[in-house]
């Protein structure tokens, strides 16, 4: 089931979305959903990477070590 969310954006973004919407005859919501679909995963991956970098027990490998482990 789809949910409705409200988001506050700058006047500039609204203007740009209005222009794009008018030129393409697609609703602004189409582009907002498309951008979320395309980029939300990137944000999730970035935050996961930051969490892992903050892990005090994490072990880091050099390129040479990785190549040796993988027998490259």
N, C-alpha and C. Protein backbone atom coordinates (compact mmCIF):
# COMPACT_ATOMS: atom_id res chain seq x y z
N UNK A 1 0.84 -1.18 0.00
CA UNK A 1 0.00 0.00 0.00
C UNK A 1 0.88 1.24 0.00
N UNK A 2 0.56 2.18 -0.82
CA UNK A 2 1.33 3.42 -0.90
C UNK A 2 0.95 4.35 0.25
N UNK A 3 1.92 5.09 0.71
CA UNK A 3 1.72 6.06 1.79
C UNK A 3 1.99 7.46 1.25
N UNK A 4 1.39 8.42 1.85
CA UNK A 4 1.61 9.82 1.51
C UNK A 4 2.55 10.42 2.54
N UNK A 5 3.58 11.12 2.07
CA UNK A 5 4.47 11.84 2.97
C UNK A 5 4.52 13.29 2.54
N UNK A 6 4.79 14.16 3.48
CA UNK A 6 4.94 15.58 3.19
C UNK A 6 6.40 15.95 3.35
N UNK A 7 6.88 16.77 2.45
CA UNK A 7 8.27 17.20 2.52
C UNK A 7 8.34 18.68 2.15
N UNK A 8 9.17 19.39 2.87
CA UNK A 8 9.33 20.82 2.62
C UNK A 8 10.59 21.01 1.78
N UNK A 9 10.45 21.68 0.63
CA UNK A 9 11.60 21.94 -0.25
C UNK A 9 11.67 23.42 -0.57
N UNK A 10 12.83 23.83 -1.05
CA UNK A 10 13.04 25.25 -1.36
C UNK A 10 12.20 25.69 -2.56
N UNK A 11 12.00 26.97 -2.66
CA UNK A 11 11.26 27.54 -3.80
C UNK A 11 11.95 27.19 -5.12
N UNK A 12 13.27 27.16 -5.12
CA UNK A 12 14.02 26.84 -6.33
C UNK A 12 13.72 25.43 -6.81
N UNK A 13 13.68 24.48 -5.89
CA UNK A 13 13.38 23.10 -6.27
C UNK A 13 11.96 22.99 -6.80
N UNK A 14 11.03 23.66 -6.16
CA UNK A 14 9.63 23.63 -6.63
C UNK A 14 9.55 24.20 -8.05
N UNK A 15 10.25 25.28 -8.29
CA UNK A 15 10.25 25.91 -9.62
C UNK A 15 10.83 24.95 -10.66
N UNK A 16 11.92 24.31 -10.31
CA UNK A 16 12.54 23.38 -11.24
C UNK A 16 11.63 22.19 -11.51
N UNK A 17 10.99 21.66 -10.47
CA UNK A 17 10.04 20.56 -10.66
C UNK A 17 8.84 20.99 -11.49
N UNK A 18 8.36 22.20 -11.24
CA UNK A 18 7.23 22.74 -12.03
C UNK A 18 7.60 22.82 -13.51
N UNK A 19 8.80 23.33 -13.79
CA UNK A 19 9.24 23.45 -15.19
C UNK A 19 9.38 22.09 -15.85
N UNK A 20 10.00 21.15 -15.15
CA UNK A 20 10.17 19.81 -15.70
C UNK A 20 8.82 19.14 -15.93
N UNK A 21 7.93 19.30 -14.98
CA UNK A 21 6.60 18.73 -15.08
C UNK A 21 5.83 19.30 -16.27
N UNK A 22 5.93 20.60 -16.44
CA UNK A 22 5.23 21.25 -17.56
C UNK A 22 5.80 20.81 -18.91
N UNK A 23 7.10 20.70 -19.01
CA UNK A 23 7.75 20.31 -20.27
C UNK A 23 7.44 18.87 -20.65
N UNK A 24 7.31 18.01 -19.67
CA UNK A 24 7.15 16.58 -19.95
C UNK A 24 5.72 16.08 -19.76
N UNK A 25 4.87 16.93 -19.23
CA UNK A 25 3.47 16.56 -18.95
C UNK A 25 3.36 15.37 -18.00
N UNK A 26 4.28 15.32 -17.07
CA UNK A 26 4.24 14.31 -16.01
C UNK A 26 4.10 15.04 -14.69
N UNK A 27 3.46 14.42 -13.72
CA UNK A 27 3.31 15.10 -12.42
C UNK A 27 4.65 15.17 -11.68
N UNK A 28 4.75 16.16 -10.81
CA UNK A 28 5.96 16.30 -10.00
C UNK A 28 6.21 15.05 -9.18
N UNK A 29 5.16 14.43 -8.71
CA UNK A 29 5.31 13.22 -7.90
C UNK A 29 6.02 12.10 -8.67
N UNK A 30 5.84 12.05 -9.97
CA UNK A 30 6.52 11.04 -10.78
C UNK A 30 8.04 11.18 -10.62
N UNK A 31 8.53 12.41 -10.72
CA UNK A 31 9.97 12.65 -10.63
C UNK A 31 10.50 12.46 -9.21
N UNK A 32 9.72 12.84 -8.24
CA UNK A 32 10.15 12.67 -6.85
C UNK A 32 10.27 11.18 -6.53
N UNK A 33 9.27 10.39 -6.93
CA UNK A 33 9.33 8.95 -6.69
C UNK A 33 10.49 8.32 -7.46
N UNK A 34 10.71 8.75 -8.69
CA UNK A 34 11.80 8.21 -9.50
C UNK A 34 13.16 8.49 -8.85
N UNK A 35 13.34 9.72 -8.35
CA UNK A 35 14.60 10.07 -7.70
C UNK A 35 14.81 9.26 -6.43
N UNK A 36 13.75 9.07 -5.66
CA UNK A 36 13.87 8.26 -4.45
C UNK A 36 14.23 6.82 -4.80
N UNK A 37 13.58 6.27 -5.82
CA UNK A 37 13.89 4.90 -6.24
C UNK A 37 15.35 4.77 -6.67
N UNK A 38 15.86 5.77 -7.38
CA UNK A 38 17.22 5.69 -7.92
C UNK A 38 18.29 5.94 -6.87
N UNK A 39 18.04 6.83 -5.93
CA UNK A 39 19.12 7.28 -5.04
C UNK A 39 19.01 6.85 -3.59
N UNK A 40 17.89 6.36 -3.14
CA UNK A 40 17.74 5.97 -1.74
C UNK A 40 18.72 4.85 -1.38
N UNK A 41 18.89 3.90 -2.28
CA UNK A 41 19.83 2.82 -2.05
C UNK A 41 21.25 3.31 -1.86
N UNK A 42 21.64 4.34 -2.62
CA UNK A 42 22.98 4.92 -2.47
C UNK A 42 23.17 5.51 -1.07
N UNK A 43 22.16 6.20 -0.58
CA UNK A 43 22.24 6.78 0.77
C UNK A 43 22.32 5.68 1.83
N UNK A 44 21.52 4.63 1.63
CA UNK A 44 21.56 3.51 2.58
C UNK A 44 22.94 2.86 2.60
N UNK A 45 23.52 2.66 1.42
CA UNK A 45 24.86 2.08 1.34
C UNK A 45 25.90 2.96 1.99
N UNK A 46 25.80 4.27 1.79
CA UNK A 46 26.76 5.21 2.37
C UNK A 46 26.69 5.17 3.89
N UNK A 47 25.51 5.15 4.46
CA UNK A 47 25.38 5.11 5.91
C UNK A 47 25.83 3.77 6.48
N UNK A 48 25.60 2.69 5.75
CA UNK A 48 26.10 1.40 6.19
C UNK A 48 27.62 1.41 6.21
N UNK A 49 28.23 1.99 5.18
CA UNK A 49 29.69 2.09 5.13
C UNK A 49 30.21 2.92 6.30
N UNK A 50 29.54 4.02 6.61
CA UNK A 50 29.96 4.84 7.75
C UNK A 50 29.85 4.08 9.07
N UNK A 51 28.79 3.31 9.22
CA UNK A 51 28.64 2.50 10.43
C UNK A 51 29.78 1.50 10.56
N UNK A 52 30.12 0.89 9.44
CA UNK A 52 31.20 -0.10 9.48
C UNK A 52 32.55 0.55 9.75
N UNK A 53 32.76 1.74 9.21
CA UNK A 53 34.01 2.45 9.47
C UNK A 53 34.12 2.87 10.93
N UNK A 54 33.00 3.06 11.58
CA UNK A 54 32.98 3.47 12.98
C UNK A 54 33.13 2.29 13.93
N UNK A 55 33.06 1.08 13.40
CA UNK A 55 33.17 -0.12 14.23
C UNK A 55 34.60 -0.24 14.78
N UNK A 56 34.74 -0.21 16.08
CA UNK A 56 36.06 -0.27 16.71
C UNK A 56 36.73 -1.62 16.53
N UNK A 57 35.96 -2.66 16.27
CA UNK A 57 36.51 -3.99 16.11
C UNK A 57 36.77 -4.36 14.64
N UNK A 58 36.55 -3.41 13.75
CA UNK A 58 36.72 -3.68 12.32
C UNK A 58 38.20 -3.91 12.00
N UNK A 59 38.44 -4.80 11.04
CA UNK A 59 39.80 -5.04 10.56
C UNK A 59 39.90 -4.49 9.15
N UNK A 60 40.95 -3.76 8.90
CA UNK A 60 41.15 -3.15 7.59
C UNK A 60 42.31 -3.83 6.89
N UNK A 61 42.16 -4.02 5.59
CA UNK A 61 43.17 -4.69 4.79
C UNK A 61 43.72 -3.75 3.73
N UNK A 62 44.98 -3.89 3.44
CA UNK A 62 45.58 -3.14 2.33
C UNK A 62 45.25 -3.86 1.04
N UNK A 63 45.48 -3.22 -0.08
CA UNK A 63 45.25 -3.84 -1.37
C UNK A 63 46.10 -5.09 -1.52
N UNK A 64 47.34 -5.00 -1.10
CA UNK A 64 48.23 -6.16 -1.19
C UNK A 64 47.70 -7.33 -0.37
N UNK A 65 47.20 -7.06 0.83
CA UNK A 65 46.65 -8.13 1.67
C UNK A 65 45.43 -8.78 1.03
N UNK A 66 44.57 -7.98 0.45
CA UNK A 66 43.37 -8.51 -0.20
C UNK A 66 43.76 -9.37 -1.40
N UNK A 67 44.70 -8.89 -2.20
CA UNK A 67 45.15 -9.67 -3.35
C UNK A 67 45.75 -10.99 -2.91
N UNK A 68 46.49 -11.00 -1.83
CA UNK A 68 47.09 -12.23 -1.34
C UNK A 68 46.01 -13.19 -0.84
N UNK A 69 45.05 -12.67 -0.08
CA UNK A 69 43.95 -13.51 0.42
C UNK A 69 43.16 -14.13 -0.73
N UNK A 70 42.89 -13.30 -1.76
CA UNK A 70 42.09 -13.77 -2.89
C UNK A 70 42.93 -14.47 -3.96
N UNK A 71 44.23 -14.55 -3.71
CA UNK A 71 45.16 -15.19 -4.64
C UNK A 71 45.07 -14.57 -6.04
N UNK A 72 45.14 -13.25 -6.07
CA UNK A 72 45.08 -12.52 -7.34
C UNK A 72 46.47 -12.19 -7.84
